[in-house]
Amino acid sequence: LALVRAQGYALDRGETLPDVWCFGAPVRDANGSVVAALSISVPVTRIDPMRVETLTSAAQQAARDLSQRLGWSSMTISAEVVSEEVQYELPRRNAIPPVPPCVSHR
């Protein structure tokens, strides 16, 4: 989770469903607390290296837009949220981190 917090997104490369990749980003409330997540799921047959960055950015932008509708702005993150996120150690630069699965509710 430290990597997800540092990056601002999660990527599931078929860990949950082998034929589906998922790109997720946090949704924050007016205090900056993560209250939900937004994800984009794509069949593996429609993924190519060029689309990974595009889909990751799209998930992050949609989550930012929704967060702003909930009253969040990057300038209003509470000290409590910052201290919560700072307590997690970031991975070493050359370490290969595990990719957490994206959870979808159907």
PDB file of N, CA and C in Angstrom:
ATOM      1  N   LEU A   1       0.806  -1.209   0.000  1.00  0.00           N
ATOM      2  CA  LEU A   1       0.000   0.000   0.000  1.00  0.00           C
ATOM      3  C   LEU A   1       0.843   1.264   0.000  1.00  0.00           C
ATOM      4  N   ALA A   2       2.074   1.176   0.509  1.00  0.00           N
ATOM      5  CA  ALA A   2       2.934   2.357   0.504  1.00  0.00           C
ATOM      6  C   ALA A   2       3.201   2.827  -0.925  1.00  0.00           C
ATOM      7  N   LEU A   3       3.407   1.884  -1.828  1.00  0.00           N
ATOM      8  CA  LEU A   3       3.645   2.248  -3.226  1.00  0.00           C
ATOM      9  C   LEU A   3       2.400   2.892  -3.829  1.00  0.00           C
ATOM     10  N   VAL A   4       1.234   2.349  -3.541  1.00  0.00           N
ATOM     11  CA  VAL A   4      -0.021   2.911  -4.047  1.00  0.00           C
ATOM     12  C   VAL A   4      -0.191   4.336  -3.524  1.00  0.00           C
ATOM     13  N   ARG A   5       0.079   4.544  -2.234  1.00  0.00           N
ATOM     14  CA  ARG A   5      -0.026   5.901  -1.679  1.00  0.00           C
ATOM     15  C   ARG A   5       0.951   6.846  -2.366  1.00  0.00           C
ATOM     16  N   ALA A   6       2.173   6.391  -2.580  1.00  0.00           N
ATOM     17  CA  ALA A   6       3.192   7.244  -3.199  1.00  0.00           C
ATOM     18  C   ALA A   6       2.850   7.566  -4.651  1.00  0.00           C
ATOM     19  N   GLN A   7       2.362   6.577  -5.386  1.00  0.00           N
ATOM     20  CA  GLN A   7       2.020   6.769  -6.804  1.00  0.00           C
ATOM     21  C   GLN A   7       0.717   7.508  -6.995  1.00  0.00           C
ATOM     22  N   GLY A   8      -0.237   7.267  -6.089  1.00  0.00           N
ATOM     23  CA  GLY A   8      -1.569   7.837  -6.232  1.00  0.00           C
ATOM     24  C   GLY A   8      -2.496   6.978  -7.076  1.00  0.00           C
ATOM     25  N   TYR A   9      -2.105   5.738  -7.346  1.00  0.00           N
ATOM     26  CA  TYR A   9      -2.961   4.820  -8.099  1.00  0.00           C
ATOM     27  C   TYR A   9      -2.560   3.374  -7.807  1.00  0.00           C
ATOM     28  N   ALA A  10      -3.465   2.458  -8.155  1.00  0.00           N
ATOM     29  CA  ALA A  10      -3.193   1.019  -8.046  1.00  0.00           C
ATOM     30  C   ALA A  10      -3.396   0.396  -9.420  1.00  0.00           C
ATOM     31  N   LEU A  11      -2.624  -0.625  -9.696  1.00  0.00           N
ATOM     32  CA  LEU A  11      -2.718  -1.325 -10.977  1.00  0.00           C
ATOM     33  C   LEU A  11      -2.804  -2.817 -10.710  1.00  0.00           C
ATOM     34  N   ASP A  12      -3.849  -3.446 -11.200  1.00  0.00           N
ATOM     35  CA  ASP A  12      -4.054  -4.893 -11.088  1.00  0.00           C
ATOM     36  C   ASP A  12      -3.833  -5.478 -12.473  1.00  0.00           C
ATOM     37  N   ARG A  13      -2.760  -6.240 -12.613  1.00  0.00           N
ATOM     38  CA  ARG A  13      -2.420  -6.840 -13.910  1.00  0.00           C
ATOM     39  C   ARG A  13      -2.931  -8.267 -13.989  1.00  0.00           C
ATOM     40  N   GLY A  14      -4.221  -8.443 -13.823  1.00  0.00           N
ATOM     41  CA  GLY A  14      -4.813  -9.772 -13.921  1.00  0.00           C
ATOM     42  C   GLY A  14      -4.706 -10.600 -12.662  1.00  0.00           C
ATOM     43  N   GLU A  15      -4.393  -9.984 -11.508  1.00  0.00           N
ATOM     44  CA  GLU A  15      -4.296 -10.746 -10.269  1.00  0.00           C
ATOM     45  C   GLU A  15      -5.658 -11.217  -9.776  1.00  0.00           C
ATOM     46  N   THR A  16      -6.675 -10.397  -9.934  1.00  0.00           N
ATOM     47  CA  THR A  16      -8.015 -10.765  -9.475  1.00  0.00           C
ATOM     48  C   THR A  16      -8.728 -11.630 -10.507  1.00  0.00           C
ATOM     49  N   LEU A  17      -8.747 -11.177 -11.733  1.00  0.00           N
ATOM     50  CA  LEU A  17      -9.291 -11.937 -12.861  1.00  0.00           C
ATOM     51  C   LEU A  17      -8.211 -11.987 -13.926  1.00  0.00           C
ATOM     52  N   PRO A  18      -7.808 -13.170 -14.365  1.00  0.00           N
ATOM     53  CA  PRO A  18      -6.665 -13.277 -15.275  1.00  0.00           C
ATOM     54  C   PRO A  18      -6.821 -12.539 -16.601  1.00  0.00           C
ATOM     55  N   ASP A  19      -8.028 -12.321 -17.050  1.00  0.00           N
ATOM     56  CA  ASP A  19      -8.240 -11.685 -18.351  1.00  0.00           C
ATOM     57  C   ASP A  19      -8.590 -10.207 -18.257  1.00  0.00           C
ATOM     58  N   VAL A  20      -8.416  -9.607 -17.050  1.00  0.00           N
ATOM     59  CA  VAL A  20      -8.814  -8.208 -16.852  1.00  0.00           C
ATOM     60  C   VAL A  20      -7.724  -7.457 -16.095  1.00  0.00           C
ATOM     61  N   TRP A  21      -7.375  -6.278 -16.586  1.00  0.00           N
ATOM     62  CA  TRP A  21      -6.510  -5.352 -15.865  1.00  0.00           C
ATOM     63  C   TRP A  21      -7.398  -4.259 -15.279  1.00  0.00           C
ATOM     64  N   CYS A  22      -6.996  -3.725 -14.131  1.00  0.00           N
ATOM     65  CA  CYS A  22      -7.778  -2.697 -13.449  1.00  0.00           C
ATOM     66  C   CYS A  22      -6.855  -1.555 -13.044  1.00  0.00           C
ATOM     67  N   PHE A  23      -7.299  -0.331 -13.283  1.00  0.00           N
ATOM     68  CA  PHE A  23      -6.559   0.880 -12.951  1.00  0.00           C
ATOM     69  C   PHE A  23      -7.395   1.643 -11.934  1.00  0.00           C
ATOM     70  N   GLY A  24      -6.893   1.847 -10.718  1.00  0.00           N
ATOM     71  CA  GLY A  24      -7.687   2.469  -9.664  1.00  0.00           C
ATOM     72  C   GLY A  24      -7.008   3.670  -9.033  1.00  0.00           C
ATOM     73  N   ALA A  25      -7.814   4.572  -8.473  1.00  0.00           N
ATOM     74  CA  ALA A  25      -7.298   5.772  -7.802  1.00  0.00           C
ATOM     75  C   ALA A  25      -8.221   6.125  -6.639  1.00  0.00           C
ATOM     76  N   PRO A  26      -7.673   6.768  -5.603  1.00  0.00           N
ATOM     77  CA  PRO A  26      -8.474   7.100  -4.423  1.00  0.00           C
ATOM     78  C   PRO A  26      -9.397   8.301  -4.650  1.00  0.00           C
ATOM     79  N   VAL A  27     -10.534   8.254  -3.971  1.00  0.00           N
ATOM     80  CA  VAL A  27     -11.475   9.375  -3.952  1.00  0.00           C
ATOM     81  C   VAL A  27     -11.448   9.923  -2.529  1.00  0.00           C
ATOM     82  N   ARG A  28     -11.240  11.231  -2.395  1.00  0.00           N
ATOM     83  CA  ARG A  28     -11.113  11.865  -1.078  1.00  0.00           C
ATOM     84  C   ARG A  28     -12.302  12.768  -0.776  1.00  0.00           C
ATOM     85  N   ASP A  29     -12.573  12.907   0.528  1.00  0.00           N
ATOM     86  CA  ASP A  29     -13.634  13.818   0.943  1.00  0.00           C
ATOM     87  C   ASP A  29     -13.050  15.205   1.198  1.00  0.00           C
ATOM     88  N   ALA A  30     -13.868  16.104   1.737  1.00  0.00           N
ATOM     89  CA  ALA A  30     -13.446  17.485   1.953  1.00  0.00           C
ATOM     90  C   ALA A  30     -12.254  17.597   2.899  1.00  0.00           C
ATOM     91  N   ASN A  31     -12.062  16.612   3.792  1.00  0.00           N
ATOM     92  CA  ASN A  31     -10.938  16.629   4.731  1.00  0.00           C
ATOM     93  C   ASN A  31      -9.683  15.979   4.161  1.00  0.00           C
ATOM     94  N   GLY A  32      -9.791  15.391   2.982  1.00  0.00           N
ATOM     95  CA  GLY A  32      -8.650  14.720   2.373  1.00  0.00           C
ATOM     96  C   GLY A  32      -8.563  13.242   2.704  1.00  0.00           C
ATOM     97  N   SER A  33      -9.515  12.734   3.480  1.00  0.00           N
ATOM     98  CA  SER A  33      -9.523  11.306   3.814  1.00  0.00           C
ATOM     99  C   SER A  33     -10.012  10.500   2.616  1.00  0.00           C
ATOM    100  N   VAL A  34      -9.405   9.346   2.402  1.00  0.00           N
ATOM    101  CA  VAL A  34      -9.853   8.476   1.315  1.00  0.00           C
ATOM    102  C   VAL A  34     -11.164   7.822   1.756  1.00  0.00           C
ATOM    103  N   VAL A  35     -12.227   8.050   0.967  1.00  0.00           N
ATOM    104  CA  VAL A  35     -13.546   7.529   1.305  1.00  0.00           C
ATOM    105  C   VAL A  35     -14.044   6.496   0.295  1.00  0.00           C
ATOM    106  N   ALA A  36     -13.352   6.389  -0.821  1.00  0.00           N
ATOM    107  CA  ALA A  36     -13.758   5.443  -1.865  1.00  0.00           C
ATOM    108  C   ALA A  36     -12.606   5.299  -2.854  1.00  0.00           C
ATOM    109  N   ALA A  37     -12.823   4.451  -3.829  1.00  0.00           N
ATOM    110  CA  ALA A  37     -11.857   4.313  -4.919  1.00  0.00           C
ATOM    111  C   ALA A  37     -12.630   4.218  -6.224  1.00  0.00           C
ATOM    112  N   LEU A  38     -12.019   4.698  -7.269  1.00  0.00           N
ATOM    113  CA  LEU A  38     -12.611   4.639  -8.596  1.00  0.00           C
ATOM    114  C   LEU A  38     -11.691   3.768  -9.443  1.00  0.00           C
ATOM    115  N   SER A  39     -12.277   2.890 -10.247  1.00  0.00           N
ATOM    116  CA  SER A  39     -11.418   2.045 -11.074  1.00  0.00           C
ATOM    117  C   SER A  39     -11.965   1.900 -12.484  1.00  0.00           C
ATOM    118  N   ILE A  40     -11.041   1.598 -13.383  1.00  0.00           N
ATOM    119  CA  ILE A  40     -11.363   1.316 -14.779  1.00  0.00           C
ATOM    120  C   ILE A  40     -10.875  -0.104 -15.041  1.00  0.00           C
ATOM    121  N   SER A  41     -11.758  -0.977 -15.475  1.00  0.00           N
ATOM    122  CA  SER A  41     -11.392  -2.358 -15.795  1.00  0.00           C
ATOM    123  C   SER A  41     -11.390  -2.547 -17.299  1.00  0.00           C
ATOM    124  N   VAL A  42     -10.352  -3.229 -17.795  1.00  0.00           N
ATOM    125  CA  VAL A  42     -10.177  -3.381 -19.233  1.00  0.00           C
ATOM    126  C   VAL A  42      -9.788  -4.833 -19.538  1.00  0.00           C
ATOM    127  N   PRO A  43     -10.420  -5.456 -20.539  1.00  0.00           N
ATOM    128  CA  PRO A  43      -9.998  -6.807 -20.926  1.00  0.00           C
ATOM    129  C   PRO A  43      -8.537  -6.797 -21.385  1.00  0.00           C
ATOM    130  N   VAL A  44      -7.797  -7.823 -21.000  1.00  0.00           N
ATOM    131  CA  VAL A  44      -6.373  -7.897 -21.321  1.00  0.00           C
ATOM    132  C   VAL A  44      -6.130  -7.829 -22.834  1.00  0.00           C
ATOM    133  N   THR A  45      -7.086  -8.266 -23.620  1.00  0.00           N
ATOM    134  CA  THR A  45      -6.939  -8.231 -25.079  1.00  0.00           C
ATOM    135  C   THR A  45      -6.937  -6.801 -25.625  1.00  0.00           C
ATOM    136  N   ARG A  46      -7.350  -5.824 -24.804  1.00  0.00           N
ATOM    137  CA  ARG A  46      -7.403  -4.431 -25.255  1.00  0.00           C
ATOM    138  C   ARG A  46      -6.310  -3.571 -24.631  1.00  0.00           C
ATOM    139  N   ILE A  47      -5.349  -4.222 -23.967  1.00  0.00           N
ATOM    140  CA  ILE A  47      -4.259  -3.493 -23.307  1.00  0.00           C
ATOM    141  C   ILE A  47      -3.005  -3.564 -24.163  1.00  0.00           C
ATOM    142  N   ASP A  48      -2.371  -2.418 -24.326  1.00  0.00           N
ATOM    143  CA  ASP A  48      -1.036  -2.382 -24.912  1.00  0.00           C
ATOM    144  C   ASP A  48      -0.242  -1.362 -24.099  1.00  0.00           C
ATOM    145  N   PRO A  49       1.079  -1.375 -24.183  1.00  0.00           N
ATOM    146  CA  PRO A  49       1.891  -0.486 -23.341  1.00  0.00           C
ATOM    147  C   PRO A  49       1.508   0.995 -23.434  1.00  0.00           C
ATOM    148  N   MET A  50       1.080   1.431 -24.579  1.00  0.00           N
ATOM    149  CA  MET A  50       0.707   2.843 -24.739  1.00  0.00           C
ATOM    150  C   MET A  50      -0.565   3.192 -23.952  1.00  0.00           C
ATOM    151  N   ARG A  51      -1.454   2.229 -23.770  1.00  0.00           N
ATOM    152  CA  ARG A  51      -2.719   2.506 -23.081  1.00  0.00           C
ATOM    153  C   ARG A  51      -2.586   2.490 -21.567  1.00  0.00           C
ATOM    154  N   VAL A  52      -1.540   1.853 -21.031  1.00  0.00           N
ATOM    155  CA  VAL A  52      -1.395   1.762 -19.575  1.00  0.00           C
ATOM    156  C   VAL A  52      -1.320   3.154 -18.957  1.00  0.00           C
ATOM    157  N   GLU A  53      -0.463   4.002 -19.478  1.00  0.00           N
ATOM    158  CA  GLU A  53      -0.341   5.359 -18.938  1.00  0.00           C
ATOM    159  C   GLU A  53      -1.628   6.153 -19.147  1.00  0.00           C
ATOM    160  N   THR A  54      -2.241   6.001 -20.297  1.00  0.00           N
ATOM    161  CA  THR A  54      -3.490   6.720 -20.580  1.00  0.00           C
ATOM    162  C   THR A  54      -4.593   6.312 -19.610  1.00  0.00           C
ATOM    163  N   LEU A  55      -4.743   5.015 -19.374  1.00  0.00           N
ATOM    164  CA  LEU A  55      -5.797   4.533 -18.479  1.00  0.00           C
ATOM    165  C   LEU A  55      -5.504   4.878 -17.021  1.00  0.00           C
ATOM    166  N   THR A  56      -4.233   4.826 -16.635  1.00  0.00           N
ATOM    167  CA  THR A  56      -3.858   5.221 -15.277  1.00  0.00           C
ATOM    168  C   THR A  56      -4.189   6.696 -15.063  1.00  0.00           C
ATOM    169  N   SER A  57      -3.812   7.535 -16.005  1.00  0.00           N
ATOM    170  CA  SER A  57      -4.108   8.971 -15.906  1.00  0.00           C
ATOM    171  C   SER A  57      -5.602   9.237 -15.898  1.00  0.00           C
ATOM    172  N   ALA A  58      -6.355   8.495 -16.700  1.00  0.00           N
ATOM    173  CA  ALA A  58      -7.811   8.682 -16.750  1.00  0.00           C
ATOM    174  C   ALA A  58      -8.446   8.337 -15.401  1.00  0.00           C
ATOM    175  N   ALA A  59      -8.003   7.257 -14.772  1.00  0.00           N
ATOM    176  CA  ALA A  59      -8.540   6.877 -13.455  1.00  0.00           C
ATOM    177  C   ALA A  59      -8.196   7.946 -12.422  1.00  0.00           C
ATOM    178  N   GLN A  60      -6.953   8.432 -12.437  1.00  0.00           N
ATOM    179  CA  GLN A  60      -6.553   9.466 -11.489  1.00  0.00           C
ATOM    180  C   GLN A  60      -7.344  10.752 -11.697  1.00  0.00           C
ATOM    181  N   GLN A  61      -7.533  11.160 -12.948  1.00  0.00           N
ATOM    182  CA  GLN A  61      -8.264  12.401 -13.220  1.00  0.00           C
ATOM    183  C   GLN A  61      -9.726  12.272 -12.805  1.00  0.00           C
ATOM    184  N   ALA A  62     -10.352  11.154 -13.108  1.00  0.00           N
ATOM    185  CA  ALA A  62     -11.754  10.956 -12.723  1.00  0.00           C
ATOM    186  C   ALA A  62     -11.893  10.954 -11.200  1.00  0.00           C
ATOM    187  N   ALA A  63     -10.942  10.331 -10.495  1.00  0.00           N
ATOM    188  CA  ALA A  63     -10.981  10.312  -9.031  1.00  0.00           C
ATOM    189  C   ALA A  63     -10.775  11.726  -8.470  1.00  0.00           C
ATOM    190  N   ARG A  64      -9.862  12.499  -9.079  1.00  0.00           N
ATOM    191  CA  ARG A  64      -9.660  13.898  -8.652  1.00  0.00           C
ATOM    192  C   ARG A  64     -10.930  14.712  -8.861  1.00  0.00           C
ATOM    193  N   ASP A  65     -11.559  14.545 -10.021  1.00  0.00           N
ATOM    194  CA  ASP A  65     -12.794  15.288 -10.313  1.00  0.00           C
ATOM    195  C   ASP A  65     -13.882  14.952  -9.301  1.00  0.00           C
ATOM    196  N   LEU A  66     -14.053  13.677  -9.009  1.00  0.00           N
ATOM    197  CA  LEU A  66     -15.061  13.258  -8.032  1.00  0.00           C
ATOM    198  C   LEU A  66     -14.697  13.789  -6.642  1.00  0.00           C
ATOM    199  N   SER A  67     -13.426  13.718  -6.283  1.00  0.00           N
ATOM    200  CA  SER A  67     -12.976  14.237  -4.983  1.00  0.00           C
ATOM    201  C   SER A  67     -13.286  15.724  -4.854  1.00  0.00           C
ATOM    202  N   GLN A  68     -13.054  16.479  -5.906  1.00  0.00           N
ATOM    203  CA  GLN A  68     -13.348  17.913  -5.869  1.00  0.00           C
ATOM    204  C   GLN A  68     -14.836  18.161  -5.700  1.00  0.00           C
ATOM    205  N   ARG A  69     -15.662  17.316  -6.290  1.00  0.00           N
ATOM    206  CA  ARG A  69     -17.121  17.456  -6.118  1.00  0.00           C
ATOM    207  C   ARG A  69     -17.527  17.167  -4.673  1.00  0.00           C
ATOM    208  N   LEU A  70     -16.694  16.386  -3.972  1.00  0.00           N
ATOM    209  CA  LEU A  70     -16.939  16.090  -2.561  1.00  0.00           C
ATOM    210  C   LEU A  70     -16.312  17.137  -1.637  1.00  0.00           C
ATOM    211  N   GLY A  71     -15.694  18.169  -2.231  1.00  0.00           N
ATOM    212  CA  GLY A  71     -15.144  19.265  -1.443  1.00  0.00           C
ATOM    213  C   GLY A  71     -13.644  19.224  -1.243  1.00  0.00           C
ATOM    214  N   TRP A  72     -12.975  18.239  -1.805  1.00  0.00           N
ATOM    215  CA  TRP A  72     -11.519  18.121  -1.636  1.00  0.00           C
ATOM    216  C   TRP A  72     -10.777  19.041  -2.585  1.00  0.00           C
ATOM    217  N   SER A  73      -9.678  19.583  -2.114  1.00  0.00           N
ATOM    218  CA  SER A  73      -8.706  20.229  -2.996  1.00  0.00           C
ATOM    219  C   SER A  73      -7.346  19.882  -2.422  1.00  0.00           C
ATOM    220  N   SER A  74      -6.327  19.875  -3.237  1.00  0.00           N
ATOM    221  CA  SER A  74      -5.004  19.472  -2.772  1.00  0.00           C
ATOM    222  C   SER A  74      -4.502  20.384  -1.658  1.00  0.00           C
ATOM    223  N   MET A  75      -5.099  21.550  -1.520  1.00  0.00           N
ATOM    224  CA  MET A  75      -4.687  22.488  -0.478  1.00  0.00           C
ATOM    225  C   MET A  75      -5.416  22.250   0.841  1.00  0.00           C
ATOM    226  N   THR A  76      -6.433  21.350   0.869  1.00  0.00           N
ATOM    227  CA  THR A  76      -7.227  21.173   2.084  1.00  0.00           C
ATOM    228  C   THR A  76      -7.003  19.836   2.770  1.00  0.00           C
ATOM    229  N   ILE A  77      -5.938  19.129   2.427  1.00  0.00           N
ATOM    230  CA  ILE A  77      -5.669  17.861   3.102  1.00  0.00           C
ATOM    231  C   ILE A  77      -5.352  18.154   4.560  1.00  0.00           C
ATOM    232  N   SER A  78      -6.027  17.460   5.457  1.00  0.00           N
ATOM    233  CA  SER A  78      -5.842  17.704   6.886  1.00  0.00           C
ATOM    234  C   SER A  78      -4.507  17.157   7.369  1.00  0.00           C
ATOM    235  N   ALA A  79      -4.024  17.691   8.482  1.00  0.00           N
ATOM    236  CA  ALA A  79      -2.763  17.227   9.077  1.00  0.00           C
ATOM    237  C   ALA A  79      -2.873  15.758   9.462  1.00  0.00           C
ATOM    238  N   GLU A  80      -4.061  15.324   9.882  1.00  0.00           N
ATOM    239  CA  GLU A  80      -4.273  13.927  10.253  1.00  0.00           C
ATOM    240  C   GLU A  80      -4.037  13.000   9.065  1.00  0.00           C
ATOM    241  N   VAL A  81      -4.526  13.381   7.895  1.00  0.00           N
ATOM    242  CA  VAL A  81      -4.347  12.564   6.699  1.00  0.00           C
ATOM    243  C   VAL A  81      -2.878  12.535   6.308  1.00  0.00           C
ATOM    244  N   VAL A  82      -2.204  13.681   6.367  1.00  0.00           N
ATOM    245  CA  VAL A  82      -0.792  13.730   6.007  1.00  0.00           C
ATOM    246  C   VAL A  82       0.010  12.849   6.947  1.00  0.00           C
ATOM    247  N   SER A  83      -0.236  12.927   8.246  1.00  0.00           N
ATOM    248  CA  SER A  83       0.534  12.114   9.186  1.00  0.00           C
ATOM    249  C   SER A  83       0.236  10.639   8.976  1.00  0.00           C
ATOM    250  N   GLU A  84      -0.998  10.299   8.623  1.00  0.00           N
ATOM    251  CA  GLU A  84      -1.360   8.906   8.333  1.00  0.00           C
ATOM    252  C   GLU A  84      -0.569   8.391   7.140  1.00  0.00           C
ATOM    253  N   GLU A  85      -0.404   9.205   6.115  1.00  0.00           N
ATOM    254  CA  GLU A  85       0.300   8.775   4.916  1.00  0.00           C
ATOM    255  C   GLU A  85       1.817   8.785   5.113  1.00  0.00           C
ATOM    256  N   VAL A  86       2.331   9.672   5.947  1.00  0.00           N
ATOM    257  CA  VAL A  86       3.769   9.767   6.151  1.00  0.00           C
ATOM    258  C   VAL A  86       4.302   8.567   6.918  1.00  0.00           C
ATOM    259  N   GLN A  87       3.469   7.940   7.744  1.00  0.00           N
ATOM    260  CA  GLN A  87       3.946   6.833   8.563  1.00  0.00           C
ATOM    261  C   GLN A  87       4.316   5.588   7.751  1.00  0.00           C
ATOM    262  N   TYR A  88       3.913   5.510   6.521  1.00  0.00           N
ATOM    263  CA  TYR A  88       4.232   4.351   5.699  1.00  0.00           C
ATOM    264  C   TYR A  88       5.571   4.544   5.013  1.00  0.00           C
ATOM    265  N   GLU A  89       6.409   3.533   5.085  1.00  0.00           N
ATOM    266  CA  GLU A  89       7.731   3.609   4.469  1.00  0.00           C
ATOM    267  C   GLU A  89       7.612   3.370   2.971  1.00  0.00           C
ATOM    268  N   LEU A  90       8.280   4.207   2.196  1.00  0.00           N
ATOM    269  CA  LEU A  90       8.280   4.027   0.753  1.00  0.00           C
ATOM    270  C   LEU A  90       9.236   2.901   0.382  1.00  0.00           C
ATOM    271  N   PRO A  91       8.944   2.174  -0.695  1.00  0.00           N
ATOM    272  CA  PRO A  91       9.813   1.070  -1.095  1.00  0.00           C
ATOM    273  C   PRO A  91      11.168   1.569  -1.590  1.00  0.00           C
ATOM    274  N   ARG A  92      12.174   0.700  -1.501  1.00  0.00           N
ATOM    275  CA  ARG A  92      13.497   1.050  -2.031  1.00  0.00           C
ATOM    276  C   ARG A  92      13.373   1.314  -3.524  1.00  0.00           C
ATOM    277  N   ARG A  93      14.237   2.188  -4.025  1.00  0.00           N
ATOM    278  CA  ARG A  93      14.163   2.633  -5.422  1.00  0.00           C
ATOM    279  C   ARG A  93      14.185   1.486  -6.420  1.00  0.00           C
ATOM    280  N   ASN A  94      15.044   0.491  -6.248  1.00  0.00           N
ATOM    281  CA  ASN A  94      15.169  -0.579  -7.233  1.00  0.00           C
ATOM    282  C   ASN A  94      14.384  -1.837  -6.870  1.00  0.00           C
ATOM    283  N   ALA A  95      13.627  -1.773  -5.802  1.00  0.00           N
ATOM    284  CA  ALA A  95      12.843  -2.939  -5.405  1.00  0.00           C
ATOM    285  C   ALA A  95      11.687  -3.132  -6.378  1.00  0.00           C
ATOM    286  N   ILE A  96      11.330  -4.365  -6.625  1.00  0.00           N
ATOM    287  CA  ILE A  96      10.166  -4.657  -7.474  1.00  0.00           C
ATOM    288  C   ILE A  96       8.992  -4.900  -6.535  1.00  0.00           C
ATOM    289  N   PRO A  97       8.092  -3.934  -6.457  1.00  0.00           N
ATOM    290  CA  PRO A  97       6.999  -4.037  -5.492  1.00  0.00           C
ATOM    291  C   PRO A  97       5.893  -4.969  -5.987  1.00  0.00           C
ATOM    292  N   PRO A  98       5.188  -5.593  -5.063  1.00  0.00           N
ATOM    293  CA  PRO A  98       4.026  -6.357  -5.472  1.00  0.00           C
ATOM    294  C   PRO A  98       2.932  -5.375  -5.902  1.00  0.00           C
ATOM    295  N   VAL A  99       2.093  -5.769  -6.816  1.00  0.00           N
ATOM    296  CA  VAL A  99       1.009  -4.922  -7.297  1.00  0.00           C
ATOM    297  C   VAL A  99      -0.269  -5.368  -6.613  1.00  0.00           C
ATOM    298  N   PRO A 100      -0.858  -4.482  -5.798  1.00  0.00           N
ATOM    299  CA  PRO A 100      -2.078  -4.875  -5.100  1.00  0.00           C
ATOM    300  C   PRO A 100      -3.239  -5.005  -6.056  1.00  0.00           C
ATOM    301  N   PRO A 101      -4.144  -5.945  -5.790  1.00  0.00           N
ATOM    302  CA  PRO A 101      -5.297  -6.102  -6.674  1.00  0.00           C
ATOM    303  C   PRO A 101      -6.282  -4.960  -6.518  1.00  0.00           C
ATOM    304  N   CYS A 102      -6.988  -4.694  -7.546  1.00  0.00           N
ATOM    305  CA  CYS A 102      -8.044  -3.689  -7.545  1.00  0.00           C
ATOM    306  C   CYS A 102      -9.335  -4.435  -7.209  1.00  0.00           C
ATOM    307  N   VAL A 103     -10.112  -3.931  -6.317  1.00  0.00           N
ATOM    308  CA  VAL A 103     -11.340  -4.603  -5.932  1.00  0.00           C
ATOM    309  C   VAL A 103     -12.497  -3.948  -6.662  1.00  0.00           C
ATOM    310  N   SER A 104     -13.301  -4.769  -7.310  1.00  0.00           N
ATOM    311  CA  SER A 104     -14.482  -4.198  -7.956  1.00  0.00           C
ATOM    312  C   SER A 104     -15.715  -4.858  -7.358  1.00  0.00           C
ATOM    313  N   HIS A 105     -16.754  -4.086  -7.276  1.00  0.00           N
ATOM    314  CA  HIS A 105     -18.023  -4.590  -6.763  1.00  0.00           C
ATOM    315  C   HIS A 105     -18.999  -4.668  -7.921  1.00  0.00           C
ATOM    316  N   ARG A 106     -19.476  -5.851  -8.163  1.00  0.00           N
ATOM    317  CA  ARG A 106     -20.398  -6.035  -9.303  1.00  0.00           C
ATOM    318  C   ARG A 106     -21.799  -6.224  -8.811  1.00  0.00           C
TER     319      ARG A 106
END
